[in-house]
Amino acid sequence: GIHLDPAVITCVLVDLLGRVVGERSRRTPSGGDTDEIAVDMADSVSAL
């Protein structure tokens, strides 16, 4: 799961019971290129 928030982007990995087994977060870039932000989000998912 990944949450796009104006302040922070949070990514979590959960098991079948919804328990978090891994997470990453970073400040949401301001005024950045949306495609670049989407690529960064995808990289966070793959890395997690």
ModelCIF file with pLDDT and N, C-alpha, C, O atoms, coordinates in Angstrom:
data_MODEL
#
_entry.id   MODEL 
#
_entity.id                         1 
_entity.type                       polymer 
_entity.pdbx_number_of_molecules   1 
#
_entity_poly.entity_id                      1 
_entity_poly.type                           'polypeptide(L)' 
_entity_poly.nstd_linkage                   no 
_entity_poly.nstd_monomer                   no 
_entity_poly.pdbx_seq_one_letter_code       GIHLDPAVITCVLVDLLGRVVGERSRRTPSGGDTDEIAVDMADSVSAL 
_entity_poly.pdbx_seq_one_letter_code_can   GIHLDPAVITCVLVDLLGRVVGERSRRTPSGGDTDEIAVDMADSVSAL 
_entity_poly.pdbx_strand_id                 A 
#
loop_
_entity_poly_seq.entity_id 
_entity_poly_seq.num 
_entity_poly_seq.mon_id 
_entity_poly_seq.hetero 
1 1  GLY n 
1 2  ILE n 
1 3  HIS n 
1 4  LEU n 
1 5  ASP n 
1 6  PRO n 
1 7  ALA n 
1 8  VAL n 
1 9  ILE n 
1 10 THR n 
1 11 CYS n 
1 12 VAL n 
1 13 LEU n 
1 14 VAL n 
1 15 ASP n 
1 16 LEU n 
1 17 LEU n 
1 18 GLY n 
1 19 ARG n 
1 20 VAL n 
1 21 VAL n 
1 22 GLY n 
1 23 GLU n 
1 24 ARG n 
1 25 SER n 
1 26 ARG n 
1 27 ARG n 
1 28 THR n 
1 29 PRO n 
1 30 SER n 
1 31 GLY n 
1 32 GLY n 
1 33 ASP n 
1 34 THR n 
1 35 ASP n 
1 36 GLU n 
1 37 ILE n 
1 38 ALA n 
1 39 VAL n 
1 40 ASP n 
1 41 MET n 
1 42 ALA n 
1 43 ASP n 
1 44 SER n 
1 45 VAL n 
1 46 SER n 
1 47 ALA n 
1 48 LEU n 
#
_struct_asym.id          A 
_struct_asym.entity_id   1 
#
loop_
_ma_qa_metric.id 
_ma_qa_metric.mode 
_ma_qa_metric.name 
_ma_qa_metric.software_group_id 
_ma_qa_metric.type 
1 global pLDDT . pLDDT 
2 local  pLDDT . pLDDT 
#
_ma_qa_metric_global.metric_id      1 
_ma_qa_metric_global.metric_value   93.42 
_ma_qa_metric_global.model_id       1 
_ma_qa_metric_global.ordinal_id     1 
#
loop_
_ma_qa_metric_local.label_asym_id 
_ma_qa_metric_local.label_comp_id 
_ma_qa_metric_local.label_seq_id 
_ma_qa_metric_local.metric_id 
_ma_qa_metric_local.metric_value 
_ma_qa_metric_local.model_id 
_ma_qa_metric_local.ordinal_id 
A GLY 1  2 98.00 1 1  
A ILE 2  2 98.00 1 2  
A HIS 3  2 97.00 1 3  
A LEU 4  2 96.00 1 4  
A ASP 5  2 94.00 1 5  
A PRO 6  2 93.00 1 6  
A ALA 7  2 92.00 1 7  
A VAL 8  2 94.00 1 8  
A ILE 9  2 96.00 1 9  
A THR 10 2 97.00 1 10 
A CYS 11 2 98.00 1 11 
A VAL 12 2 98.00 1 12 
A LEU 13 2 98.00 1 13 
A VAL 14 2 97.00 1 14 
A ASP 15 2 95.00 1 15 
A LEU 16 2 92.00 1 16 
A LEU 17 2 91.00 1 17 
A GLY 18 2 91.00 1 18 
A ARG 19 2 93.00 1 19 
A VAL 20 2 96.00 1 20 
A VAL 21 2 96.00 1 21 
A GLY 22 2 96.00 1 22 
A GLU 23 2 96.00 1 23 
A ARG 24 2 95.00 1 24 
A SER 25 2 94.00 1 25 
A ARG 26 2 93.00 1 26 
A ARG 27 2 92.00 1 27 
A THR 28 2 91.00 1 28 
A PRO 29 2 87.00 1 29 
A SER 30 2 80.00 1 30 
A GLY 31 2 73.00 1 31 
A GLY 32 2 70.00 1 32 
A ASP 33 2 88.00 1 33 
A THR 34 2 93.00 1 34 
A ASP 35 2 94.00 1 35 
A GLU 36 2 93.00 1 36 
A ILE 37 2 94.00 1 37 
A ALA 38 2 95.00 1 38 
A VAL 39 2 95.00 1 39 
A ASP 40 2 94.00 1 40 
A MET 41 2 96.00 1 41 
A ALA 42 2 97.00 1 42 
A ASP 43 2 96.00 1 43 
A SER 44 2 96.00 1 44 
A VAL 45 2 97.00 1 45 
A SER 46 2 96.00 1 46 
A ALA 47 2 96.00 1 47 
A LEU 48 2 97.00 1 48 
#
loop_
_atom_site.group_PDB 
_atom_site.id 
_atom_site.type_symbol 
_atom_site.label_atom_id 
_atom_site.label_alt_id 
_atom_site.label_comp_id 
_atom_site.label_asym_id 
_atom_site.label_entity_id 
_atom_site.label_seq_id 
_atom_site.pdbx_PDB_ins_code 
_atom_site.Cartn_x 
_atom_site.Cartn_y 
_atom_site.Cartn_z 
_atom_site.occupancy 
_atom_site.B_iso_or_equiv 
_atom_site.pdbx_formal_charge 
_atom_site.auth_seq_id 
_atom_site.auth_comp_id 
_atom_site.auth_asym_id 
_atom_site.auth_atom_id 
_atom_site.pdbx_PDB_model_num 
ATOM 1   N N  . GLY A 1 1  ? 0.831  -1.195  0.000   1.00 98.00 ? 1  GLY A N  1 
ATOM 2   C CA . GLY A 1 1  ? 0.000  0.000   0.000   1.00 98.00 ? 1  GLY A CA 1 
ATOM 3   C C  . GLY A 1 1  ? 0.861  1.239   0.000   1.00 98.00 ? 1  GLY A C  1 
ATOM 4   O O  . GLY A 1 1  ? 1.887  1.284   0.679   1.00 98.00 ? 1  GLY A O  1 
ATOM 5   N N  . ILE A 1 2  ? 0.457  2.250   -0.756  1.00 98.00 ? 2  ILE A N  1 
ATOM 6   C CA . ILE A 1 2  ? 1.183  3.514   -0.759  1.00 98.00 ? 2  ILE A CA 1 
ATOM 7   C C  . ILE A 1 2  ? 0.190  4.658   -0.612  1.00 98.00 ? 2  ILE A C  1 
ATOM 8   O O  . ILE A 1 2  ? -0.844 4.692   -1.280  1.00 98.00 ? 2  ILE A O  1 
ATOM 9   N N  . HIS A 1 3  ? 0.519  5.590   0.269   1.00 97.00 ? 3  HIS A N  1 
ATOM 10  C CA . HIS A 1 3  ? -0.338 6.739   0.547   1.00 97.00 ? 3  HIS A CA 1 
ATOM 11  C C  . HIS A 1 3  ? 0.333  7.998   0.044   1.00 97.00 ? 3  HIS A C  1 
ATOM 12  O O  . HIS A 1 3  ? 1.405  8.381   0.514   1.00 97.00 ? 3  HIS A O  1 
ATOM 13  N N  . LEU A 1 4  ? -0.312 8.638   -0.920  1.00 96.00 ? 4  LEU A N  1 
ATOM 14  C CA . LEU A 1 4  ? 0.153  9.928   -1.410  1.00 96.00 ? 4  LEU A CA 1 
ATOM 15  C C  . LEU A 1 4  ? -0.543 11.022  -0.611  1.00 96.00 ? 4  LEU A C  1 
ATOM 16  O O  . LEU A 1 4  ? -1.751 11.224  -0.737  1.00 96.00 ? 4  LEU A O  1 
ATOM 17  N N  . ASP A 1 5  ? 0.225  11.723  0.208   1.00 94.00 ? 5  ASP A N  1 
ATOM 18  C CA . ASP A 1 5  ? -0.291 12.817  1.025   1.00 94.00 ? 5  ASP A CA 1 
ATOM 19  C C  . ASP A 1 5  ? 0.490  14.082  0.643   1.00 94.00 ? 5  ASP A C  1 
ATOM 20  O O  . ASP A 1 5  ? 1.655  13.982  0.259   1.00 94.00 ? 5  ASP A O  1 
ATOM 21  N N  . PRO A 1 6  ? -0.122 15.265  0.739   1.00 93.00 ? 6  PRO A N  1 
ATOM 22  C CA . PRO A 1 6  ? 0.618  16.474  0.400   1.00 93.00 ? 6  PRO A CA 1 
ATOM 23  C C  . PRO A 1 6  ? 1.900  16.666  1.207   1.00 93.00 ? 6  PRO A C  1 
ATOM 24  O O  . PRO A 1 6  ? 2.821  17.348  0.757   1.00 93.00 ? 6  PRO A O  1 
ATOM 25  N N  . ALA A 1 7  ? 1.964  16.063  2.407   1.00 92.00 ? 7  ALA A N  1 
ATOM 26  C CA . ALA A 1 7  ? 3.145  16.247  3.256   1.00 92.00 ? 7  ALA A CA 1 
ATOM 27  C C  . ALA A 1 7  ? 4.131  15.087  3.168   1.00 92.00 ? 7  ALA A C  1 
ATOM 28  O O  . ALA A 1 7  ? 5.342  15.309  3.197   1.00 92.00 ? 7  ALA A O  1 
ATOM 29  N N  . VAL A 1 8  ? 3.635  13.852  3.062   1.00 94.00 ? 8  VAL A N  1 
ATOM 30  C CA . VAL A 1 8  ? 4.524  12.696  3.136   1.00 94.00 ? 8  VAL A CA 1 
ATOM 31  C C  . VAL A 1 8  ? 3.967  11.567  2.278   1.00 94.00 ? 8  VAL A C  1 
ATOM 32  O O  . VAL A 1 8  ? 2.754  11.390  2.173   1.00 94.00 ? 8  VAL A O  1 
ATOM 33  N N  . ILE A 1 9  ? 4.876  10.803  1.667   1.00 96.00 ? 9  ILE A N  1 
ATOM 34  C CA . ILE A 1 9  ? 4.504  9.606   0.914   1.00 96.00 ? 9  ILE A CA 1 
ATOM 35  C C  . ILE A 1 9  ? 4.951  8.398   1.730   1.00 96.00 ? 9  ILE A C  1 
ATOM 36  O O  . ILE A 1 9  ? 6.131  8.255   2.052   1.00 96.00 ? 9  ILE A O  1 
ATOM 37  N N  . THR A 1 10 ? 4.001  7.538   2.058   1.00 97.00 ? 10 THR A N  1 
ATOM 38  C CA . THR A 1 10 ? 4.273  6.376   2.916   1.00 97.00 ? 10 THR A CA 1 
ATOM 39  C C  . THR A 1 10 ? 3.941  5.096   2.171   1.00 97.00 ? 10 THR A C  1 
ATOM 40  O O  . THR A 1 10 ? 2.891  4.988   1.536   1.00 97.00 ? 10 THR A O  1 
ATOM 41  N N  . CYS A 1 11 ? 4.842  4.132   2.252   1.00 98.00 ? 11 CYS A N  1 
ATOM 42  C CA . CYS A 1 11 ? 4.669  2.844   1.586   1.00 98.00 ? 11 CYS A CA 1 
ATOM 43  C C  . CYS A 1 11 ? 4.800  1.734   2.619   1.00 98.00 ? 11 CYS A C  1 
ATOM 44  O O  . CYS A 1 11 ? 5.730  1.745   3.426   1.00 98.00 ? 11 CYS A O  1 
ATOM 45  N N  . VAL A 1 12 ? 3.869  0.766   2.603   1.00 98.00 ? 12 VAL A N  1 
ATOM 46  C CA . VAL A 1 12 ? 3.920  -0.347  3.551   1.00 98.00 ? 12 VAL A CA 1 
ATOM 47  C C  . VAL A 1 12 ? 3.712  -1.667  2.818   1.00 98.00 ? 12 VAL A C  1 
ATOM 48  O O  . VAL A 1 12 ? 3.080  -1.725  1.763   1.00 98.00 ? 12 VAL A O  1 
ATOM 49  N N  . LEU A 1 13 ? 4.257  -2.713  3.402   1.00 98.00 ? 13 LEU A N  1 
ATOM 50  C CA . LEU A 1 13 ? 4.040  -4.083  2.954   1.00 98.00 ? 13 LEU A CA 1 
ATOM 51  C C  . LEU A 1 13 ? 3.343  -4.816  4.087   1.00 98.00 ? 13 LEU A C  1 
ATOM 52  O O  . LEU A 1 13 ? 3.824  -4.802  5.220   1.00 98.00 ? 13 LEU A O  1 
ATOM 53  N N  . VAL A 1 14 ? 2.202  -5.465  3.793   1.00 97.00 ? 14 VAL A N  1 
ATOM 54  C CA . VAL A 1 14 ? 1.450  -6.154  4.839   1.00 97.00 ? 14 VAL A CA 1 
ATOM 55  C C  . VAL A 1 14 ? 1.226  -7.609  4.453   1.00 97.00 ? 14 VAL A C  1 
ATOM 56  O O  . VAL A 1 14 ? 1.251  -7.966  3.275   1.00 97.00 ? 14 VAL A O  1 
ATOM 57  N N  . ASP A 1 15 ? 1.003  -8.451  5.475   1.00 95.00 ? 15 ASP A N  1 
ATOM 58  C CA . ASP A 1 15 ? 0.680  -9.850  5.215   1.00 95.00 ? 15 ASP A CA 1 
ATOM 59  C C  . ASP A 1 15 ? -0.839 -10.014 5.078   1.00 95.00 ? 15 ASP A C  1 
ATOM 60  O O  . ASP A 1 15 ? -1.571 -9.024  5.050   1.00 95.00 ? 15 ASP A O  1 
ATOM 61  N N  . LEU A 1 16 ? -1.305 -11.249 4.993   1.00 92.00 ? 16 LEU A N  1 
ATOM 62  C CA . LEU A 1 16 ? -2.725 -11.500 4.746   1.00 92.00 ? 16 LEU A CA 1 
ATOM 63  C C  . LEU A 1 16 ? -3.634 -11.066 5.891   1.00 92.00 ? 16 LEU A C  1 
ATOM 64  O O  . LEU A 1 16 ? -4.842 -10.936 5.696   1.00 92.00 ? 16 LEU A O  1 
ATOM 65  N N  . LEU A 1 17 ? -3.084 -10.843 7.070   1.00 91.00 ? 17 LEU A N  1 
ATOM 66  C CA . LEU A 1 17 ? -3.880 -10.363 8.191   1.00 91.00 ? 17 LEU A CA 1 
ATOM 67  C C  . LEU A 1 17 ? -3.780 -8.850  8.346   1.00 91.00 ? 17 LEU A C  1 
ATOM 68  O O  . LEU A 1 17 ? -4.287 -8.284  9.314   1.00 91.00 ? 17 LEU A O  1 
ATOM 69  N N  . GLY A 1 18 ? -3.126 -8.201  7.389   1.00 91.00 ? 18 GLY A N  1 
ATOM 70  C CA . GLY A 1 18 ? -3.010 -6.752  7.440   1.00 91.00 ? 18 GLY A CA 1 
ATOM 71  C C  . GLY A 1 18 ? -1.924 -6.249  8.362   1.00 91.00 ? 18 GLY A C  1 
ATOM 72  O O  . GLY A 1 18 ? -1.894 -5.061  8.680   1.00 91.00 ? 18 GLY A O  1 
ATOM 73  N N  . ARG A 1 19 ? -1.024 -7.125  8.805   1.00 93.00 ? 19 ARG A N  1 
ATOM 74  C CA . ARG A 1 19 ? 0.064  -6.728  9.696   1.00 93.00 ? 19 ARG A CA 1 
ATOM 75  C C  . ARG A 1 19 ? 1.241  -6.194  8.884   1.00 93.00 ? 19 ARG A C  1 
ATOM 76  O O  . ARG A 1 19 ? 1.657  -6.805  7.900   1.00 93.00 ? 19 ARG A O  1 
ATOM 77  N N  . VAL A 1 20 ? 1.772  -5.050  9.307   1.00 96.00 ? 20 VAL A N  1 
ATOM 78  C CA . VAL A 1 20 ? 2.858  -4.404  8.580   1.00 96.00 ? 20 VAL A CA 1 
ATOM 79  C C  . VAL A 1 20 ? 4.157  -5.174  8.792   1.00 96.00 ? 20 VAL A C  1 
ATOM 80  O O  . VAL A 1 20 ? 4.559  -5.433  9.927   1.00 96.00 ? 20 VAL A O  1 
ATOM 81  N N  . VAL A 1 21 ? 4.808  -5.534  7.691   1.00 96.00 ? 21 VAL A N  1 
ATOM 82  C CA . VAL A 1 21 ? 6.088  -6.244  7.768   1.00 96.00 ? 21 VAL A CA 1 
ATOM 83  C C  . VAL A 1 21 ? 7.226  -5.407  7.197   1.00 96.00 ? 21 VAL A C  1 
ATOM 84  O O  . VAL A 1 21 ? 8.386  -5.814  7.260   1.00 96.00 ? 21 VAL A O  1 
ATOM 85  N N  . GLY A 1 22 ? 6.904  -4.245  6.644   1.00 96.00 ? 22 GLY A N  1 
ATOM 86  C CA . GLY A 1 22 ? 7.932  -3.337  6.132   1.00 96.00 ? 22 GLY A CA 1 
ATOM 87  C C  . GLY A 1 22 ? 7.310  -2.004  5.776   1.00 96.00 ? 22 GLY A C  1 
ATOM 88  O O  . GLY A 1 22 ? 6.144  -1.946  5.386   1.00 96.00 ? 22 GLY A O  1 
ATOM 89  N N  . GLU A 1 23 ? 8.079  -0.928  5.907   1.00 96.00 ? 23 GLU A N  1 
ATOM 90  C CA . GLU A 1 23 ? 7.544  0.391   5.573   1.00 96.00 ? 23 GLU A CA 1 
ATOM 91  C C  . GLU A 1 23 ? 8.669  1.351   5.192   1.00 96.00 ? 23 GLU A C  1 
ATOM 92  O O  . GLU A 1 23 ? 9.813  1.203   5.622   1.00 96.00 ? 23 GLU A O  1 
ATOM 93  N N  . ARG A 1 24 ? 8.312  2.337   4.373   1.00 95.00 ? 24 ARG A N  1 
ATOM 94  C CA . ARG A 1 24 ? 9.219  3.406   3.968   1.00 95.00 ? 24 ARG A CA 1 
ATOM 95  C C  . ARG A 1 24 ? 8.398  4.689   3.875   1.00 95.00 ? 24 ARG A C  1 
ATOM 96  O O  . ARG A 1 24 ? 7.211  4.645   3.551   1.00 95.00 ? 24 ARG A O  1 
ATOM 97  N N  . SER A 1 25 ? 9.025  5.831   4.159   1.00 94.00 ? 25 SER A N  1 
ATOM 98  C CA . SER A 1 25 ? 8.325  7.101   3.997   1.00 94.00 ? 25 SER A CA 1 
ATOM 99  C C  . SER A 1 25 ? 9.326  8.191   3.647   1.00 94.00 ? 25 SER A C  1 
ATOM 100 O O  . SER A 1 25 ? 10.512 8.094   3.965   1.00 94.00 ? 25 SER A O  1 
ATOM 101 N N  . ARG A 1 26 ? 8.828  9.229   2.990   1.00 93.00 ? 26 ARG A N  1 
ATOM 102 C CA . ARG A 1 26 ? 9.664  10.365  2.644   1.00 93.00 ? 26 ARG A CA 1 
ATOM 103 C C  . ARG A 1 26 ? 8.760  11.574  2.440   1.00 93.00 ? 26 ARG A C  1 
ATOM 104 O O  . ARG A 1 26 ? 7.574  11.439  2.142   1.00 93.00 ? 26 ARG A O  1 
ATOM 105 N N  . ARG A 1 27 ? 9.330  12.726  2.602   1.00 92.00 ? 27 ARG A N  1 
ATOM 106 C CA . ARG A 1 27 ? 8.590  13.976  2.395   1.00 92.00 ? 27 ARG A CA 1 
ATOM 107 C C  . ARG A 1 27 ? 8.147  14.069  0.934   1.00 92.00 ? 27 ARG A C  1 
ATOM 108 O O  . ARG A 1 27 ? 8.899  13.741  0.016   1.00 92.00 ? 27 ARG A O  1 
ATOM 109 N N  . THR A 1 28 ? 6.925  14.518  0.747   1.00 91.00 ? 28 THR A N  1 
ATOM 110 C CA . THR A 1 28 ? 6.408  14.685  -0.607  1.00 91.00 ? 28 THR A CA 1 
ATOM 111 C C  . THR A 1 28 ? 7.094  15.873  -1.275  1.00 91.00 ? 28 THR A C  1 
ATOM 112 O O  . THR A 1 28 ? 7.067  16.978  -0.733  1.00 91.00 ? 28 THR A O  1 
ATOM 113 N N  . PRO A 1 29 ? 7.708  15.670  -2.442  1.00 87.00 ? 29 PRO A N  1 
ATOM 114 C CA . PRO A 1 29 ? 8.357  16.791  -3.131  1.00 87.00 ? 29 PRO A CA 1 
ATOM 115 C C  . PRO A 1 29 ? 7.332  17.873  -3.484  1.00 87.00 ? 29 PRO A C  1 
ATOM 116 O O  . PRO A 1 29 ? 6.222  17.560  -3.911  1.00 87.00 ? 29 PRO A O  1 
ATOM 117 N N  . SER A 1 30 ? 7.693  19.109  -3.311  1.00 80.00 ? 30 SER A N  1 
ATOM 118 C CA . SER A 1 30 ? 6.788  20.208  -3.636  1.00 80.00 ? 30 SER A CA 1 
ATOM 119 C C  . SER A 1 30 ? 7.175  20.823  -4.968  1.00 80.00 ? 30 SER A C  1 
ATOM 120 O O  . SER A 1 30 ? 8.349  21.079  -5.238  1.00 80.00 ? 30 SER A O  1 
ATOM 121 N N  . GLY A 1 31 ? 6.167  21.054  -5.794  1.00 73.00 ? 31 GLY A N  1 
ATOM 122 C CA . GLY A 1 31 ? 6.423  21.700  -7.073  1.00 73.00 ? 31 GLY A CA 1 
ATOM 123 C C  . GLY A 1 31 ? 7.215  20.849  -8.047  1.00 73.00 ? 31 GLY A C  1 
ATOM 124 O O  . GLY A 1 31 ? 7.730  21.360  -9.041  1.00 73.00 ? 31 GLY A O  1 
ATOM 125 N N  . GLY A 1 32 ? 7.318  19.555  -7.772  1.00 70.00 ? 32 GLY A N  1 
ATOM 126 C CA . GLY A 1 32 ? 8.098  18.692  -8.650  1.00 70.00 ? 32 GLY A CA 1 
ATOM 127 C C  . GLY A 1 32 ? 7.294  18.201  -9.835  1.00 70.00 ? 32 GLY A C  1 
ATOM 128 O O  . GLY A 1 32 ? 6.084  18.415  -9.914  1.00 70.00 ? 32 GLY A O  1 
ATOM 129 N N  . ASP A 1 33 ? 7.976  17.544  -10.752 1.00 88.00 ? 33 ASP A N  1 
ATOM 130 C CA . ASP A 1 33 ? 7.341  16.948  -11.915 1.00 88.00 ? 33 ASP A CA 1 
ATOM 131 C C  . ASP A 1 33 ? 6.555  15.720  -11.466 1.00 88.00 ? 33 ASP A C  1 
ATOM 132 O O  . ASP A 1 33 ? 7.097  14.850  -10.785 1.00 88.00 ? 33 ASP A O  1 
ATOM 133 N N  . THR A 1 34 ? 5.278  15.647  -11.846 1.00 93.00 ? 34 THR A N  1 
ATOM 134 C CA . THR A 1 34 ? 4.435  14.545  -11.376 1.00 93.00 ? 34 THR A CA 1 
ATOM 135 C C  . THR A 1 34 ? 4.941  13.191  -11.856 1.00 93.00 ? 34 THR A C  1 
ATOM 136 O O  . THR A 1 34 ? 4.876  12.207  -11.119 1.00 93.00 ? 34 THR A O  1 
ATOM 137 N N  . ASP A 1 35 ? 5.436  13.136  -13.067 1.00 94.00 ? 35 ASP A N  1 
ATOM 138 C CA . ASP A 1 35 ? 5.979  11.867  -13.561 1.00 94.00 ? 35 ASP A CA 1 
ATOM 139 C C  . ASP A 1 35 ? 7.181  11.432  -12.730 1.00 94.00 ? 35 ASP A C  1 
ATOM 140 O O  . ASP A 1 35 ? 7.340  10.247  -12.434 1.00 94.00 ? 35 ASP A O  1 
ATOM 141 N N  . GLU A 1 36 ? 8.024  12.386  -12.355 1.00 93.00 ? 36 GLU A N  1 
ATOM 142 C CA . GLU A 1 36 ? 9.179  12.050  -11.527 1.00 93.00 ? 36 GLU A CA 1 
ATOM 143 C C  . GLU A 1 36 ? 8.749  11.552  -10.157 1.00 93.00 ? 36 GLU A C  1 
ATOM 144 O O  . GLU A 1 36 ? 9.332  10.611  -9.619  1.00 93.00 ? 36 GLU A O  1 
ATOM 145 N N  . ILE A 1 37 ? 7.724  12.189  -9.595  1.00 94.00 ? 37 ILE A N  1 
ATOM 146 C CA . ILE A 1 37 ? 7.227  11.754  -8.291  1.00 94.00 ? 37 ILE A CA 1 
ATOM 147 C C  . ILE A 1 37 ? 6.643  10.351  -8.401  1.00 94.00 ? 37 ILE A C  1 
ATOM 148 O O  . ILE A 1 37 ? 6.866  9.521   -7.520  1.00 94.00 ? 37 ILE A O  1 
ATOM 149 N N  . ALA A 1 38 ? 5.899  10.075  -9.469  1.00 95.00 ? 38 ALA A N  1 
ATOM 150 C CA . ALA A 1 38 ? 5.332  8.741   -9.665  1.00 95.00 ? 38 ALA A CA 1 
ATOM 151 C C  . ALA A 1 38 ? 6.427  7.692   -9.808  1.00 95.00 ? 38 ALA A C  1 
ATOM 152 O O  . ALA A 1 38 ? 6.306  6.593   -9.268  1.00 95.00 ? 38 ALA A O  1 
ATOM 153 N N  . VAL A 1 39 ? 7.498  8.025   -10.534 1.00 95.00 ? 39 VAL A N  1 
ATOM 154 C CA . VAL A 1 39 ? 8.632  7.100   -10.669 1.00 95.00 ? 39 VAL A CA 1 
ATOM 155 C C  . VAL A 1 39 ? 9.259  6.835   -9.311  1.00 95.00 ? 39 VAL A C  1 
ATOM 156 O O  . VAL A 1 39 ? 9.612  5.700   -8.993  1.00 95.00 ? 39 VAL A O  1 
ATOM 157 N N  . ASP A 1 40 ? 9.398  7.891   -8.507  1.00 94.00 ? 40 ASP A N  1 
ATOM 158 C CA . ASP A 1 40 ? 9.964  7.746   -7.171  1.00 94.00 ? 40 ASP A CA 1 
ATOM 159 C C  . ASP A 1 40 ? 9.072  6.869   -6.299  1.00 94.00 ? 40 ASP A C  1 
ATOM 160 O O  . ASP A 1 40 ? 9.573  6.045   -5.533  1.00 94.00 ? 40 ASP A O  1 
ATOM 161 N N  . MET A 1 41 ? 7.755  7.037   -6.409  1.00 96.00 ? 41 MET A N  1 
ATOM 162 C CA . MET A 1 41 ? 6.826  6.194   -5.660  1.00 96.00 ? 41 MET A CA 1 
ATOM 163 C C  . MET A 1 41 ? 6.965  4.733   -6.074  1.00 96.00 ? 41 MET A C  1 
ATOM 164 O O  . MET A 1 41 ? 7.000  3.839   -5.229  1.00 96.00 ? 41 MET A O  1 
ATOM 165 N N  . ALA A 1 42 ? 7.043  4.505   -7.369  1.00 97.00 ? 42 ALA A N  1 
ATOM 166 C CA . ALA A 1 42 ? 7.201  3.138   -7.861  1.00 97.00 ? 42 ALA A CA 1 
ATOM 167 C C  . ALA A 1 42 ? 8.520  2.523   -7.382  1.00 97.00 ? 42 ALA A C  1 
ATOM 168 O O  . ALA A 1 42 ? 8.566  1.347   -7.024  1.00 97.00 ? 42 ALA A O  1 
ATOM 169 N N  . ASP A 1 43 ? 9.584  3.320   -7.377  1.00 96.00 ? 43 ASP A N  1 
ATOM 170 C CA . ASP A 1 43 ? 10.873 2.830   -6.883  1.00 96.00 ? 43 ASP A CA 1 
ATOM 171 C C  . ASP A 1 43 ? 10.781 2.443   -5.402  1.00 96.00 ? 43 ASP A C  1 
ATOM 172 O O  . ASP A 1 43 ? 11.384 1.456   -4.980  1.00 96.00 ? 43 ASP A O  1 
ATOM 173 N N  . SER A 1 44 ? 10.029 3.219   -4.616  1.00 96.00 ? 44 SER A N  1 
ATOM 174 C CA . SER A 1 44 ? 9.854  2.905   -3.196  1.00 96.00 ? 44 SER A CA 1 
ATOM 175 C C  . SER A 1 44 ? 9.140  1.572   -3.020  1.00 96.00 ? 44 SER A C  1 
ATOM 176 O O  . SER A 1 44 ? 9.502  0.772   -2.157  1.00 96.00 ? 44 SER A O  1 
ATOM 177 N N  . VAL A 1 45 ? 8.114  1.340   -3.852  1.00 97.00 ? 45 VAL A N  1 
ATOM 178 C CA . VAL A 1 45 ? 7.388  0.066   -3.793  1.00 97.00 ? 45 VAL A CA 1 
ATOM 179 C C  . VAL A 1 45 ? 8.323  -1.092  -4.120  1.00 97.00 ? 45 VAL A C  1 
ATOM 180 O O  . VAL A 1 45 ? 8.374  -2.079  -3.386  1.00 97.00 ? 45 VAL A O  1 
ATOM 181 N N  . SER A 1 46 ? 9.056  -0.973  -5.210  1.00 96.00 ? 46 SER A N  1 
ATOM 182 C CA . SER A 1 46 ? 9.952  -2.059  -5.634  1.00 96.00 ? 46 SER A CA 1 
ATOM 183 C C  . SER A 1 46 ? 11.046 -2.305  -4.603  1.00 96.00 ? 46 SER A C  1 
ATOM 184 O O  . SER A 1 46 ? 11.392 -3.452  -4.319  1.00 96.00 ? 46 SER A O  1 
ATOM 185 N N  . ALA A 1 47 ? 11.591 -1.222  -4.043  1.00 96.00 ? 47 ALA A N  1 
ATOM 186 C CA . ALA A 1 47 ? 12.648 -1.367  -3.044  1.00 96.00 ? 47 ALA A CA 1 
ATOM 187 C C  . ALA A 1 47 ? 12.131 -2.024  -1.782  1.00 96.00 ? 47 ALA A C  1 
ATOM 188 O O  . ALA A 1 47 ? 12.822 -2.847  -1.181  1.00 96.00 ? 47 ALA A O  1 
ATOM 189 N N  . LEU A 1 48 ? 10.919 -1.668  -1.371  1.00 97.00 ? 48 LEU A N  1 
ATOM 190 C CA . LEU A 1 48 ? 10.342 -2.253  -0.160  1.00 97.00 ? 48 LEU A CA 1 
ATOM 191 C C  . LEU A 1 48 ? 10.147 -3.753  -0.312  1.00 97.00 ? 48 LEU A C  1 
ATOM 192 O O  . LEU A 1 48 ? 9.671  -4.411  0.613   1.00 97.00 ? 48 LEU A O  1 
#
